[in-house]
């Protein structure tokens, strides 16, 4: 529970720092006026970029849980076996995969 609180606190601090930095840069620009259309475009761009990133990350987690990210090639053609590296077999026993 404490670990979760510390992680959330770290993310909140990072978000606060990003907002502070953005506000500082925004005010440093001086008299750069932006009309209503510009602000609306900026807000929509940020929102849609966030939604796109969240959607893509959701698809990554979904495909990982459903097993779509597993290697499509047979185990004998896997890059690790071609390099002669040891890897676990299906029965859980580590073995030498060198092809002679």
C-alpha atoms as a PDB file:
ATOM      1  CA  UNK A   1       0.000   0.000   0.000  1.00  0.00           C
ATOM      2  CA  UNK A   2       2.805   2.396   0.866  1.00  0.00           C
ATOM      3  CA  UNK A   3       4.594   1.549  -2.374  1.00  0.00           C
ATOM      4  CA  UNK A   4       1.471   2.414  -4.381  1.00  0.00           C
ATOM      5  CA  UNK A   5       1.099   5.719  -2.549  1.00  0.00           C
ATOM      6  CA  UNK A   6       4.745   6.597  -3.211  1.00  0.00           C
ATOM      7  CA  UNK A   7       4.389   5.774  -6.907  1.00  0.00           C
ATOM      8  CA  UNK A   8       1.232   7.885  -7.196  1.00  0.00           C
ATOM      9  CA  UNK A   9       2.950  10.712  -5.335  1.00  0.00           C
ATOM     10  CA  UNK A  10       5.924  10.542  -7.704  1.00  0.00           C
ATOM     11  CA  UNK A  11       3.617  10.698 -10.737  1.00  0.00           C
ATOM     12  CA  UNK A  12       1.688  13.606  -9.204  1.00  0.00           C
ATOM     13  CA  UNK A  13       4.936  15.487  -8.570  1.00  0.00           C
ATOM     14  CA  UNK A  14       6.086  14.816 -12.131  1.00  0.00           C
ATOM     15  CA  UNK A  15       2.766  16.096 -13.462  1.00  0.00           C
ATOM     16  CA  UNK A  16       2.982  19.196 -11.273  1.00  0.00           C
ATOM     17  CA  UNK A  17       6.522  19.821 -12.502  1.00  0.00           C
ATOM     18  CA  UNK A  18       5.451  19.480 -16.123  1.00  0.00           C
ATOM     19  CA  UNK A  19       2.555  21.883 -15.585  1.00  0.00           C
ATOM     20  CA  UNK A  20       4.848  24.367 -13.843  1.00  0.00           C
ATOM     21  CA  UNK A  21       7.433  24.154 -16.642  1.00  0.00           C
ATOM     22  CA  UNK A  22       4.740  24.579 -19.289  1.00  0.00           C
ATOM     23  CA  UNK A  23       3.270  27.594 -17.504  1.00  0.00           C
ATOM     24  CA  UNK A  24       6.720  29.138 -17.112  1.00  0.00           C
ATOM     25  CA  UNK A  25       7.533  28.738 -20.806  1.00  0.00           C
ATOM     26  CA  UNK A  26       4.073  30.029 -21.733  1.00  0.00           C
ATOM     27  CA  UNK A  27       4.546  33.203 -19.689  1.00  0.00           C
ATOM     28  CA  UNK A  28       8.102  33.723 -20.993  1.00  0.00           C
ATOM     29  CA  UNK A  29       6.779  34.115 -24.527  1.00  0.00           C
ATOM     30  CA  UNK A  30       5.569  37.570 -23.585  1.00  0.00           C
ATOM     31  CA  UNK A  31       2.851  39.191 -25.638  1.00  0.00           C
ATOM     32  CA  UNK A  32       2.186  36.287 -27.965  1.00  0.00           C
ATOM     33  CA  UNK A  33      -1.564  36.476 -28.310  1.00  0.00           C
ATOM     34  CA  UNK A  34      -3.573  33.432 -29.228  1.00  0.00           C
ATOM     35  CA  UNK A  35      -7.182  33.716 -30.259  1.00  0.00           C
ATOM     36  CA  UNK A  36     -10.018  31.419 -29.342  1.00  0.00           C
ATOM     37  CA  UNK A  37      -9.452  29.213 -32.383  1.00  0.00           C
ATOM     38  CA  UNK A  38      -5.792  28.754 -31.471  1.00  0.00           C
ATOM     39  CA  UNK A  39      -6.577  27.796 -27.902  1.00  0.00           C
ATOM     40  CA  UNK A  40      -9.296  25.402 -29.064  1.00  0.00           C
ATOM     41  CA  UNK A  41      -6.868  23.797 -31.533  1.00  0.00           C
ATOM     42  CA  UNK A  42      -4.230  23.486 -28.818  1.00  0.00           C
ATOM     43  CA  UNK A  43      -6.647  21.878 -26.359  1.00  0.00           C
ATOM     44  CA  UNK A  44      -8.051  19.494 -28.980  1.00  0.00           C
ATOM     45  CA  UNK A  45      -4.535  18.551 -30.081  1.00  0.00           C
ATOM     46  CA  UNK A  46      -3.479  17.734 -26.525  1.00  0.00           C
ATOM     47  CA  UNK A  47      -6.659  15.762 -25.794  1.00  0.00           C
ATOM     48  CA  UNK A  48      -6.556  13.729 -29.008  1.00  0.00           C
ATOM     49  CA  UNK A  49      -2.827  13.055 -28.631  1.00  0.00           C
ATOM     50  CA  UNK A  50      -3.434  11.785 -25.105  1.00  0.00           C
ATOM     51  CA  UNK A  51      -6.344   9.609 -26.264  1.00  0.00           C
ATOM     52  CA  UNK A  52      -4.277   8.203 -29.131  1.00  0.00           C
ATOM     53  CA  UNK A  53      -1.407   7.330 -26.778  1.00  0.00           C
ATOM     54  CA  UNK A  54      -3.760   5.773 -24.235  1.00  0.00           C
ATOM     55  CA  UNK A  55      -5.535   3.780 -26.950  1.00  0.00           C
ATOM     56  CA  UNK A  56      -2.284   2.465 -28.390  1.00  0.00           C
ATOM     57  CA  UNK A  57      -0.989   1.494 -24.948  1.00  0.00           C
ATOM     58  CA  UNK A  58      -4.307  -0.246 -24.285  1.00  0.00           C
ATOM     59  CA  UNK A  59      -3.877  -2.224 -27.496  1.00  0.00           C
ATOM     60  CA  UNK A  60      -0.331  -3.176 -26.487  1.00  0.00           C
ATOM     61  CA  UNK A  61      -1.538  -4.534 -23.137  1.00  0.00           C
ATOM     62  CA  UNK A  62      -4.529  -6.261 -24.755  1.00  0.00           C
ATOM     63  CA  UNK A  63      -2.423  -8.005 -27.395  1.00  0.00           C
ATOM     64  CA  UNK A  64       0.136  -9.028 -24.794  1.00  0.00           C
ATOM     65  CA  UNK A  65      -2.493 -10.607 -22.540  1.00  0.00           C
ATOM     66  CA  UNK A  66      -4.224 -12.389 -25.422  1.00  0.00           C
ATOM     67  CA  UNK A  67      -0.938 -13.854 -26.662  1.00  0.00           C
ATOM     68  CA  UNK A  68      -0.772 -11.987 -29.966  1.00  0.00           C
ATOM     69  CA  UNK A  69       2.788 -10.857 -29.164  1.00  0.00           C
ATOM     70  CA  UNK A  70       4.244 -14.336 -29.108  1.00  0.00           C
ATOM     71  CA  UNK A  71       6.875 -15.101 -31.684  1.00  0.00           C
ATOM     72  CA  UNK A  72       5.355 -16.258 -34.959  1.00  0.00           C
ATOM     73  CA  UNK A  73       8.324 -18.357 -36.111  1.00  0.00           C
ATOM     74  CA  UNK A  74       8.842 -21.944 -34.989  1.00  0.00           C
ATOM     75  CA  UNK A  75      11.152 -22.379 -32.015  1.00  0.00           C
ATOM     76  CA  UNK A  76      13.868 -23.965 -34.145  1.00  0.00           C
ATOM     77  CA  UNK A  77      14.035 -20.815 -36.293  1.00  0.00           C
ATOM     78  CA  UNK A  78      14.125 -18.419 -33.338  1.00  0.00           C
ATOM     79  CA  UNK A  79      17.053 -15.970 -33.356  1.00  0.00           C
ATOM     80  CA  UNK A  80      18.308 -17.168 -29.959  1.00  0.00           C
ATOM     81  CA  UNK A  81      18.587 -20.742 -31.136  1.00  0.00           C
ATOM     82  CA  UNK A  82      20.531 -19.662 -34.219  1.00  0.00           C
ATOM     83  CA  UNK A  83      23.008 -17.882 -31.976  1.00  0.00           C
ATOM     84  CA  UNK A  84      23.489 -21.025 -29.916  1.00  0.00           C
ATOM     85  CA  UNK A  85      22.146 -19.457 -26.749  1.00  0.00           C
ATOM     86  CA  UNK A  86      20.547 -21.527 -24.052  1.00  0.00           C
ATOM     87  CA  UNK A  87      16.815 -21.170 -23.604  1.00  0.00           C
ATOM     88  CA  UNK A  88      14.090 -23.084 -21.820  1.00  0.00           C
ATOM     89  CA  UNK A  89      12.268 -25.781 -23.705  1.00  0.00           C
ATOM     90  CA  UNK A  90       8.531 -26.360 -23.461  1.00  0.00           C
ATOM     91  CA  UNK A  91       8.977 -28.822 -20.585  1.00  0.00           C
ATOM     92  CA  UNK A  92      10.816 -26.145 -18.562  1.00  0.00           C
ATOM     93  CA  UNK A  93      14.299 -27.701 -18.803  1.00  0.00           C
ATOM     94  CA  UNK A  94      17.077 -25.416 -20.023  1.00  0.00           C
ATOM     95  CA  UNK A  95      19.022 -26.978 -22.809  1.00  0.00           C
ATOM     96  CA  UNK A  96      21.680 -26.175 -25.337  1.00  0.00           C
ATOM     97  CA  UNK A  97      20.035 -25.167 -28.616  1.00  0.00           C
ATOM     98  CA  UNK A  98      23.115 -25.260 -30.859  1.00  0.00           C
ATOM     99  CA  UNK A  99      22.486 -26.792 -34.216  1.00  0.00           C
ATOM    100  CA  UNK A 100      25.375 -28.877 -35.419  1.00  0.00           C
END
